[in-house]
């Protein structure tokens, strides 16, 4: 009986250690979801070498001051916007509106976009690309993106922007992707120390 109990104990300890090793890192659901996706070879944008060396994305510490309420001014008459990309491809979007908000007492505006011909599962998706003064230093030089949804818009015309959920375009991880280039108009003259940090490609 003692041998059986000892075997069960050892098996439980090994199982717990194994699960601990496999645990996905992250301080929020967003961070854990990102790391889980990047670890999954079927979904990850990483190169084979990058995937082999991957231990987790680097994130700025979560900071609630970068989770802000913005006022959305819709722009239904805006023309189609042809986003240049990192390849010869043109990404076709329409400006959905202008977001007005403040961070640390400073006022800012960002344009938000919607895909002109989205797949049905992305019908409610909104695209918010932005640049800030951390680019090329502690964050990706080409700017970062945030996903928002038309269903996030409140009845009073406000929407929450959580910069803690800012992520890099796939081009930050591999040259095989074609990514929209963030418009200079969406530059924030401040540090956004939130979201995914810069990624150092393996040599």
Protein backbone atom coordinates (compact mmCIF):
# COMPACT_ATOMS: atom_id res chain seq x y z
CA UNK A 1 0.00 0.00 0.00
CA UNK A 2 2.85 2.37 0.90
CA UNK A 3 4.47 1.73 -2.49
CA UNK A 4 1.21 2.60 -4.25
CA UNK A 5 0.83 5.83 -2.28
CA UNK A 6 4.46 6.74 -2.99
CA UNK A 7 3.95 6.09 -6.72
CA UNK A 8 0.80 8.28 -6.76
CA UNK A 9 2.65 11.07 -4.92
CA UNK A 10 5.64 11.00 -7.29
CA UNK A 11 3.36 10.90 -10.35
CA UNK A 12 1.40 13.89 -9.04
CA UNK A 13 4.58 15.91 -8.39
CA UNK A 14 5.97 15.15 -11.86
CA UNK A 15 2.63 16.05 -13.44
CA UNK A 16 2.48 19.36 -11.56
CA UNK A 17 6.04 20.24 -12.57
CA UNK A 18 5.28 19.37 -16.18
CA UNK A 19 2.14 21.54 -16.17
CA UNK A 20 4.12 24.37 -14.57
CA UNK A 21 6.70 24.17 -17.36
CA UNK A 22 3.96 24.27 -19.97
CA UNK A 23 2.12 27.16 -18.31
CA UNK A 24 1.70 30.15 -20.62
CA UNK A 25 3.37 33.29 -19.30
CA UNK A 26 1.56 36.61 -18.95
CA UNK A 27 0.04 39.00 -16.42
CA UNK A 28 -3.30 39.38 -18.24
CA UNK A 29 -5.58 37.38 -20.51
CA UNK A 30 -4.27 39.39 -23.47
CA UNK A 31 -0.63 38.59 -22.66
CA UNK A 32 -1.34 34.90 -22.10
CA UNK A 33 -3.35 34.67 -25.35
CA UNK A 34 -0.54 36.36 -27.29
CA UNK A 35 2.11 34.04 -25.85
CA UNK A 36 -0.05 30.98 -26.48
CA UNK A 37 -0.51 31.98 -30.12
CA UNK A 38 3.20 32.64 -30.60
CA UNK A 39 4.08 29.25 -29.09
CA UNK A 40 1.70 27.46 -31.47
CA UNK A 41 3.60 26.58 -34.66
CA UNK A 42 0.35 26.52 -36.65
CA UNK A 43 -0.45 30.16 -35.72
CA UNK A 44 2.85 31.78 -34.83
CA UNK A 45 4.34 34.50 -37.07
CA UNK A 46 7.81 33.58 -35.85
CA UNK A 47 10.44 32.06 -38.08
CA UNK A 48 11.47 28.46 -37.39
CA UNK A 49 14.51 29.69 -35.49
CA UNK A 50 12.47 32.31 -33.66
CA UNK A 51 9.91 29.70 -32.65
CA UNK A 52 12.64 27.36 -31.41
CA UNK A 53 14.12 30.11 -29.21
CA UNK A 54 10.78 31.62 -28.12
CA UNK A 55 10.25 31.90 -24.36
CA UNK A 56 7.61 34.62 -24.33
CA UNK A 57 6.98 38.11 -25.67
CA UNK A 58 8.30 41.14 -23.82
CA UNK A 59 5.55 43.42 -22.52
CA UNK A 60 5.58 46.78 -20.81
CA UNK A 61 4.16 46.53 -17.28
CA UNK A 62 0.36 46.79 -17.28
CA UNK A 63 -0.57 50.38 -16.45
CA UNK A 64 -4.17 51.56 -16.10
CA UNK A 65 -3.28 55.10 -17.12
CA UNK A 66 -2.98 53.75 -20.66
CA UNK A 67 -6.55 52.46 -20.59
CA UNK A 68 -8.56 55.50 -21.66
CA UNK A 69 -12.07 56.50 -22.60
CA UNK A 70 -12.21 58.07 -26.05
CA UNK A 71 -14.92 60.01 -27.82
CA UNK A 72 -15.60 58.70 -31.31
CA UNK A 73 -16.55 61.09 -34.10
CA UNK A 74 -17.68 58.92 -37.00
CA UNK A 75 -16.66 59.91 -40.53
CA UNK A 76 -19.19 58.20 -42.82
CA UNK A 77 -18.28 60.41 -45.80
CA UNK A 78 -14.56 59.75 -45.59
CA UNK A 79 -12.99 58.49 -48.81
CA UNK A 80 -11.46 55.06 -49.22
CA UNK A 81 -7.93 54.98 -47.80
CA UNK A 82 -5.30 52.91 -49.62
CA UNK A 83 -2.79 51.84 -47.02
CA UNK A 84 0.68 51.24 -48.40
CA UNK A 85 2.20 48.07 -46.97
CA UNK A 86 5.67 46.67 -46.45
CA UNK A 87 5.28 44.93 -49.84
CA UNK A 88 3.69 46.00 -53.12
CA UNK A 89 0.25 45.04 -51.77
CA UNK A 90 -2.28 47.82 -51.08
CA UNK A 91 -4.58 47.38 -48.07
CA UNK A 92 -7.95 49.06 -48.66
CA UNK A 93 -9.60 50.66 -45.64
CA UNK A 94 -12.05 53.44 -44.94
CA UNK A 95 -11.62 55.92 -42.11
CA UNK A 96 -14.34 54.95 -39.65
CA UNK A 97 -13.88 57.88 -37.31
CA UNK A 98 -11.63 60.02 -35.16
CA UNK A 99 -10.93 59.15 -31.53
CA UNK A 100 -10.30 61.95 -29.04
CA UNK A 101 -8.84 61.15 -25.63
CA UNK A 102 -6.28 62.25 -23.07
CA UNK A 103 -3.29 60.56 -21.45
CA UNK A 104 -1.57 62.06 -18.40
CA UNK A 105 -3.47 65.32 -18.95
CA UNK A 106 -2.50 65.66 -22.63
CA UNK A 107 -5.11 65.58 -25.39
CA UNK A 108 -4.67 63.39 -28.47
CA UNK A 109 -6.52 62.25 -31.58
CA UNK A 110 -6.20 59.07 -33.63
CA UNK A 111 -7.95 57.98 -36.80
CA UNK A 112 -9.52 54.53 -36.71
CA UNK A 113 -10.19 52.44 -39.81
CA UNK A 114 -12.42 49.65 -41.08
CA UNK A 115 -11.66 47.11 -43.77
CA UNK A 116 -13.74 47.84 -46.88
CA UNK A 117 -14.30 44.17 -47.73
CA UNK A 118 -13.89 42.18 -44.52
CA UNK A 119 -14.49 38.47 -44.19
CA UNK A 120 -17.80 37.80 -42.40
CA UNK A 121 -16.05 36.89 -39.14
CA UNK A 122 -14.29 40.29 -39.14
CA UNK A 123 -17.35 42.40 -39.99
CA UNK A 124 -17.23 44.23 -36.63
CA UNK A 125 -13.45 44.72 -36.52
CA UNK A 126 -11.91 48.18 -36.36
CA UNK A 127 -8.22 48.86 -37.01
CA UNK A 128 -6.27 51.33 -34.86
CA UNK A 129 -2.62 51.77 -35.87
CA UNK A 130 -0.47 54.27 -34.00
CA UNK A 131 3.05 55.60 -33.61
CA UNK A 132 4.62 57.07 -30.47
CA UNK A 133 7.99 58.20 -29.13
CA UNK A 134 9.00 54.71 -27.95
CA UNK A 135 9.17 53.44 -31.56
CA UNK A 136 12.63 52.26 -32.54
CA UNK A 137 13.70 52.27 -28.90
CA UNK A 138 11.64 50.08 -26.60
CA UNK A 139 8.86 49.33 -29.09
CA UNK A 140 8.75 48.28 -32.74
CA UNK A 141 10.00 51.02 -35.08
CA UNK A 142 7.01 50.72 -37.43
CA UNK A 143 4.37 51.41 -34.80
CA UNK A 144 1.80 49.15 -33.21
CA UNK A 145 -1.83 48.13 -33.66
CA UNK A 146 -4.88 47.80 -31.40
CA UNK A 147 -8.00 45.80 -32.24
CA UNK A 148 -11.33 47.41 -31.46
CA UNK A 149 -14.87 46.46 -32.48
CA UNK A 150 -17.99 48.33 -33.50
CA UNK A 151 -19.73 46.46 -30.68
CA UNK A 152 -17.39 48.21 -28.20
CA UNK A 153 -18.94 51.60 -28.97
CA UNK A 154 -21.22 52.80 -26.17
CA UNK A 155 -24.56 54.52 -26.70
CA UNK A 156 -22.95 57.86 -25.74
CA UNK A 157 -20.40 57.54 -28.56
CA UNK A 158 -17.46 56.62 -26.35
CA UNK A 159 -15.13 53.65 -26.61
CA UNK A 160 -12.34 52.31 -24.41
CA UNK A 161 -8.81 52.20 -25.85
CA UNK A 162 -6.55 49.88 -23.89
CA UNK A 163 -2.96 50.51 -24.98
CA UNK A 164 -1.95 47.58 -22.77
CA UNK A 165 -3.33 45.47 -25.65
CA UNK A 166 -1.15 47.13 -28.32
CA UNK A 167 0.69 44.57 -30.43
CA UNK A 168 3.29 44.50 -33.20
CA UNK A 169 2.46 43.84 -36.84
CA UNK A 170 3.70 40.44 -37.98
CA UNK A 171 6.44 42.15 -39.99
CA UNK A 172 8.22 42.74 -36.69
CA UNK A 173 8.80 38.97 -36.48
CA UNK A 174 9.31 37.81 -40.06
CA UNK A 175 9.91 39.34 -43.49
CA UNK A 176 7.41 36.97 -45.09
CA UNK A 177 4.44 39.12 -44.06
CA UNK A 178 2.86 42.14 -45.74
CA UNK A 179 1.76 44.71 -43.15
CA UNK A 180 -0.05 48.06 -43.42
CA UNK A 181 2.22 51.03 -42.76
CA UNK A 182 0.91 53.27 -39.99
CA UNK A 183 0.00 56.78 -41.25
CA UNK A 184 2.13 59.59 -39.85
CA UNK A 185 -1.11 61.38 -38.88
CA UNK A 186 -1.55 58.70 -36.20
CA UNK A 187 1.59 59.77 -34.36
CA UNK A 188 1.29 60.40 -30.62
CA UNK A 189 3.93 62.80 -29.34
CA UNK A 190 4.29 60.93 -26.06
CA UNK A 191 5.61 57.65 -24.72
CA UNK A 192 3.11 54.80 -24.75
CA UNK A 193 4.81 52.42 -22.33
CA UNK A 194 2.15 49.76 -22.67
CA UNK A 195 1.52 46.65 -24.71
CA UNK A 196 4.04 44.53 -26.60
CA UNK A 197 7.63 45.73 -26.64
CA UNK A 198 10.22 45.50 -29.42
CA UNK A 199 11.19 42.05 -30.65
CA UNK A 200 14.81 41.15 -31.35
CA UNK A 201 14.97 38.77 -34.30
CA UNK A 202 17.37 35.85 -33.81
CA UNK A 203 20.53 35.98 -35.88
